Amino acid sequence: MSGGLVVFPTRCLYGLAADAGNTAAVHKVFQAKGRGPENPVLILIRHADDLAGLVTTVPDSALILMEKIWPGGVTLVFPASAAVLPALTAGTGKIGIRLPAHPVARALVDAVGRPVTGTSANVSGKPGCADAVGLDRRIAAEADLILDGGPLAGGTGSTVVDVTGKMPVILRSGAVPDGAIWKALALD
């Protein structure tokens, strides 16, 4: 995956992976999607230990959510370390990180051995794709490899929770209901 793009299945939609530490590869993600630099891109990790070197702190709220809900449908937004490529943070100083639950996504991250991008495999502003045969031609043309997992369930993406402040903030409701987040944090 040295510099290449991989389309891969997730729980509900196809994703677009590139080596999250490779500037040229991350640039290819933005180029393939037609994504503006003001939009951050989350990364997928192999296990919670991979947070070391990617984030400056792991707040207690993040530890609770990681223990009770990961792997799966929650992306946690952390304060990014200087090692995270600025393009991934869109200048916010924050990075979204998820531990994937889908076996192919997990196998991909394991095989690469380091964080990969985890954005949807669609042109920005267009709907996500739940079947590899329906990939936008632009994405398919830019991909170096397409891991076809067949038709996926579709549905909502991950719930995005910012854990950088005193209190967690749900930035986007998604796969894990807001109530489950608050319950896990004992804030319901």
Protein backbone atom coordinates (compact mmCIF):
# COMPACT_ATOMS: atom_id res chain seq x y z
CA MET A 1 0.00 0.00 0.00
CA SER A 2 3.02 2.27 -0.33
CA GLY A 3 1.36 5.38 -1.69
CA GLY A 4 -1.62 3.60 -3.23
CA LEU A 5 -5.36 3.83 -2.66
CA VAL A 6 -7.49 0.89 -1.59
CA VAL A 7 -11.29 0.71 -1.68
CA PHE A 8 -12.50 -1.59 1.08
CA PRO A 9 -15.80 -2.68 2.66
CA THR A 10 -16.94 -1.46 6.06
CA ARG A 11 -20.09 -2.16 8.05
CA CYS A 12 -22.33 -0.02 5.85
CA LEU A 13 -20.39 1.61 2.98
CA TYR A 14 -17.14 1.26 1.06
CA GLY A 15 -14.17 3.21 2.37
CA LEU A 16 -11.03 4.67 0.82
CA ALA A 17 -7.76 3.81 2.51
CA ALA A 18 -4.27 5.17 2.12
CA ASP A 19 -1.23 5.14 4.38
CA ALA A 20 -2.10 7.92 6.85
CA GLY A 21 1.59 8.74 7.32
CA ASN A 22 2.34 9.17 3.61
CA THR A 23 1.79 12.76 2.43
CA ALA A 24 1.50 11.81 -1.25
CA ALA A 25 -0.99 9.02 -0.50
CA VAL A 26 -3.15 11.31 1.65
CA HIS A 27 -3.06 13.89 -1.15
CA LYS A 28 -4.36 11.19 -3.52
CA VAL A 29 -7.34 10.62 -1.20
CA PHE A 30 -8.26 14.31 -1.37
CA GLN A 31 -7.71 14.37 -5.13
CA ALA A 32 -9.76 11.23 -5.83
CA LYS A 33 -12.66 12.48 -3.72
CA GLY A 34 -12.46 16.07 -4.95
CA ARG A 35 -12.33 16.94 -1.25
CA GLY A 36 -11.38 20.41 -0.11
CA PRO A 37 -8.51 20.92 2.35
CA GLU A 38 -10.95 22.35 4.91
CA ASN A 39 -12.44 18.87 5.48
CA PRO A 40 -10.50 16.56 7.80
CA VAL A 41 -10.10 12.83 7.16
CA LEU A 42 -10.27 10.28 9.95
CA ILE A 43 -7.88 7.40 10.41
CA LEU A 44 -8.32 3.76 11.32
CA ILE A 45 -6.04 2.01 13.79
CA ARG A 46 -5.29 -1.63 14.65
CA HIS A 47 -5.77 -1.34 18.40
CA ALA A 48 -5.98 1.31 21.11
CA ASP A 49 -2.22 1.15 21.70
CA ASP A 50 -1.80 2.78 18.28
CA LEU A 51 -3.06 6.05 19.78
CA ALA A 52 0.42 6.63 21.22
CA GLY A 53 2.21 9.02 18.90
CA LEU A 54 -1.01 10.07 17.16
CA VAL A 55 -2.68 12.02 19.96
CA THR A 56 -1.41 14.28 22.70
CA THR A 57 -3.85 13.07 25.36
CA VAL A 58 -6.42 10.34 25.84
CA PRO A 59 -9.10 11.81 28.11
CA ASP A 60 -11.01 9.63 30.58
CA SER A 61 -14.16 9.98 28.47
CA ALA A 62 -12.29 8.48 25.51
CA LEU A 63 -11.01 5.59 27.62
CA ILE A 64 -14.57 4.80 28.70
CA LEU A 65 -15.94 4.89 25.14
CA MET A 66 -13.04 2.83 23.84
CA GLU A 67 -13.64 0.19 26.51
CA LYS A 68 -17.43 0.06 26.19
CA ILE A 69 -18.05 0.71 22.48
CA TRP A 70 -14.94 0.05 20.38
CA PRO A 71 -14.42 -1.58 17.97
CA GLY A 72 -17.06 -0.26 15.69
CA GLY A 73 -19.34 2.63 14.95
CA VAL A 74 -17.78 5.45 16.96
CA THR A 75 -15.09 7.82 15.72
CA LEU A 76 -13.37 9.66 18.56
CA VAL A 77 -11.85 13.08 17.89
CA PHE A 78 -8.63 13.63 19.85
CA PRO A 79 -6.05 16.41 20.04
CA ALA A 80 -3.61 15.44 17.27
CA SER A 81 0.10 15.07 17.88
CA ALA A 82 2.64 16.78 15.64
CA ALA A 83 3.19 13.39 13.95
CA VAL A 84 -0.25 13.52 12.30
CA LEU A 85 -0.20 14.97 8.80
CA PRO A 86 -1.78 18.46 8.79
CA ALA A 87 -3.94 17.56 5.77
CA LEU A 88 -5.74 14.95 7.91
CA THR A 89 -6.65 17.53 10.57
CA ALA A 90 -7.64 20.31 8.14
CA GLY A 91 -5.77 22.69 10.41
CA THR A 92 -7.98 21.97 13.43
CA GLY A 93 -5.29 20.33 15.53
CA LYS A 94 -7.71 17.43 16.01
CA ILE A 95 -7.82 13.95 14.48
CA GLY A 96 -10.73 11.54 14.21
CA ILE A 97 -9.77 7.96 15.00
CA ARG A 98 -11.77 4.75 14.80
CA LEU A 99 -11.02 1.12 15.57
CA PRO A 100 -12.94 -0.71 12.83
CA ALA A 101 -15.13 -3.72 13.56
CA HIS A 102 -15.61 -4.99 9.99
CA PRO A 103 -13.28 -7.98 9.42
CA VAL A 104 -11.98 -6.75 6.05
CA ALA A 105 -11.30 -3.24 7.37
CA ARG A 106 -9.52 -4.73 10.39
CA ALA A 107 -7.50 -7.08 8.18
CA LEU A 108 -6.48 -4.17 5.94
CA VAL A 109 -5.23 -2.08 8.86
CA ASP A 110 -3.47 -5.14 10.32
CA ALA A 111 -1.81 -5.91 6.98
CA VAL A 112 -0.58 -2.35 6.54
CA GLY A 113 0.66 -2.32 10.13
CA ARG A 114 0.02 1.39 10.66
CA PRO A 115 -2.92 3.80 10.51
CA VAL A 116 -4.81 4.24 7.27
CA THR A 117 -7.39 6.79 6.16
CA GLY A 118 -10.99 5.78 6.71
CA THR A 119 -13.05 8.14 4.61
CA SER A 120 -15.94 6.99 2.44
CA ALA A 121 -15.18 5.90 -1.13
CA ASN A 122 -17.25 8.56 -2.85
CA VAL A 123 -16.72 11.89 -4.54
CA SER A 124 -17.27 14.64 -1.97
CA GLY A 125 -20.86 15.77 -1.86
CA LYS A 126 -22.12 12.57 -3.49
CA PRO A 127 -23.74 9.65 -1.66
CA GLY A 128 -21.59 6.85 -0.27
CA CYS A 129 -21.47 3.51 -2.05
CA ALA A 130 -22.81 0.25 -0.58
CA ASP A 131 -21.80 -1.95 -3.54
CA ALA A 132 -18.39 -2.00 -5.25
CA VAL A 133 -19.99 -2.29 -8.68
CA GLY A 134 -21.61 1.11 -8.05
CA LEU A 135 -18.39 2.94 -7.22
CA ASP A 136 -18.08 6.34 -8.85
CA ARG A 137 -15.87 5.97 -11.94
CA ARG A 138 -13.50 8.62 -10.61
CA ILE A 139 -12.89 6.67 -7.39
CA ALA A 140 -12.56 3.35 -9.21
CA ALA A 141 -10.06 4.86 -11.66
CA GLU A 142 -7.89 6.28 -8.87
CA ALA A 143 -7.92 3.09 -6.76
CA ASP A 144 -4.94 0.77 -6.95
CA LEU A 145 -6.97 -2.06 -5.41
CA ILE A 146 -10.68 -2.65 -4.83
CA LEU A 147 -11.55 -5.21 -2.16
CA ASP A 148 -15.03 -6.22 -3.25
CA GLY A 149 -17.01 -7.42 -0.25
CA GLY A 150 -20.24 -7.59 -2.20
CA PRO A 151 -23.32 -5.52 -1.36
CA LEU A 152 -23.15 -3.92 2.08
CA ALA A 153 -25.95 -3.03 4.47
CA GLY A 154 -25.83 0.70 3.78
CA GLY A 155 -27.03 3.06 6.49
CA THR A 156 -25.45 5.73 8.59
CA GLY A 157 -21.76 6.24 9.16
CA SER A 158 -20.07 6.29 12.51
CA THR A 159 -21.12 8.48 15.39
CA VAL A 160 -18.43 11.15 15.81
CA VAL A 161 -17.60 12.23 19.35
CA ASP A 162 -15.15 15.04 20.12
CA VAL A 163 -13.35 14.20 23.37
CA THR A 164 -10.97 17.17 23.32
CA GLY A 165 -12.93 19.35 25.74
CA LYS A 166 -14.04 19.09 29.33
CA MET A 167 -17.26 17.38 28.20
CA PRO A 168 -17.56 15.13 25.13
CA VAL A 169 -19.54 16.59 22.23
CA ILE A 170 -21.37 14.51 19.64
CA LEU A 171 -20.43 16.10 16.32
CA ARG A 172 -22.43 13.68 14.19
CA SER A 173 -25.08 11.18 15.15
CA GLY A 174 -24.65 7.85 13.46
CA ALA A 175 -24.33 4.11 13.92
CA VAL A 176 -24.23 4.24 17.71
CA PRO A 177 -27.25 6.12 19.09
CA ASP A 178 -26.51 9.28 21.05
CA GLY A 179 -28.23 7.75 24.08
CA ALA A 180 -25.79 4.84 24.06
CA ILE A 181 -22.89 7.30 24.14
CA TRP A 182 -24.34 9.18 27.10
CA LYS A 183 -25.22 5.92 28.87
CA ALA A 184 -21.67 4.59 28.41
CA LEU A 185 -20.36 7.82 29.92
CA ALA A 186 -23.04 7.61 32.66
CA LEU A 187 -24.33 11.03 31.56
CA ASP A 188 -27.87 9.98 30.61
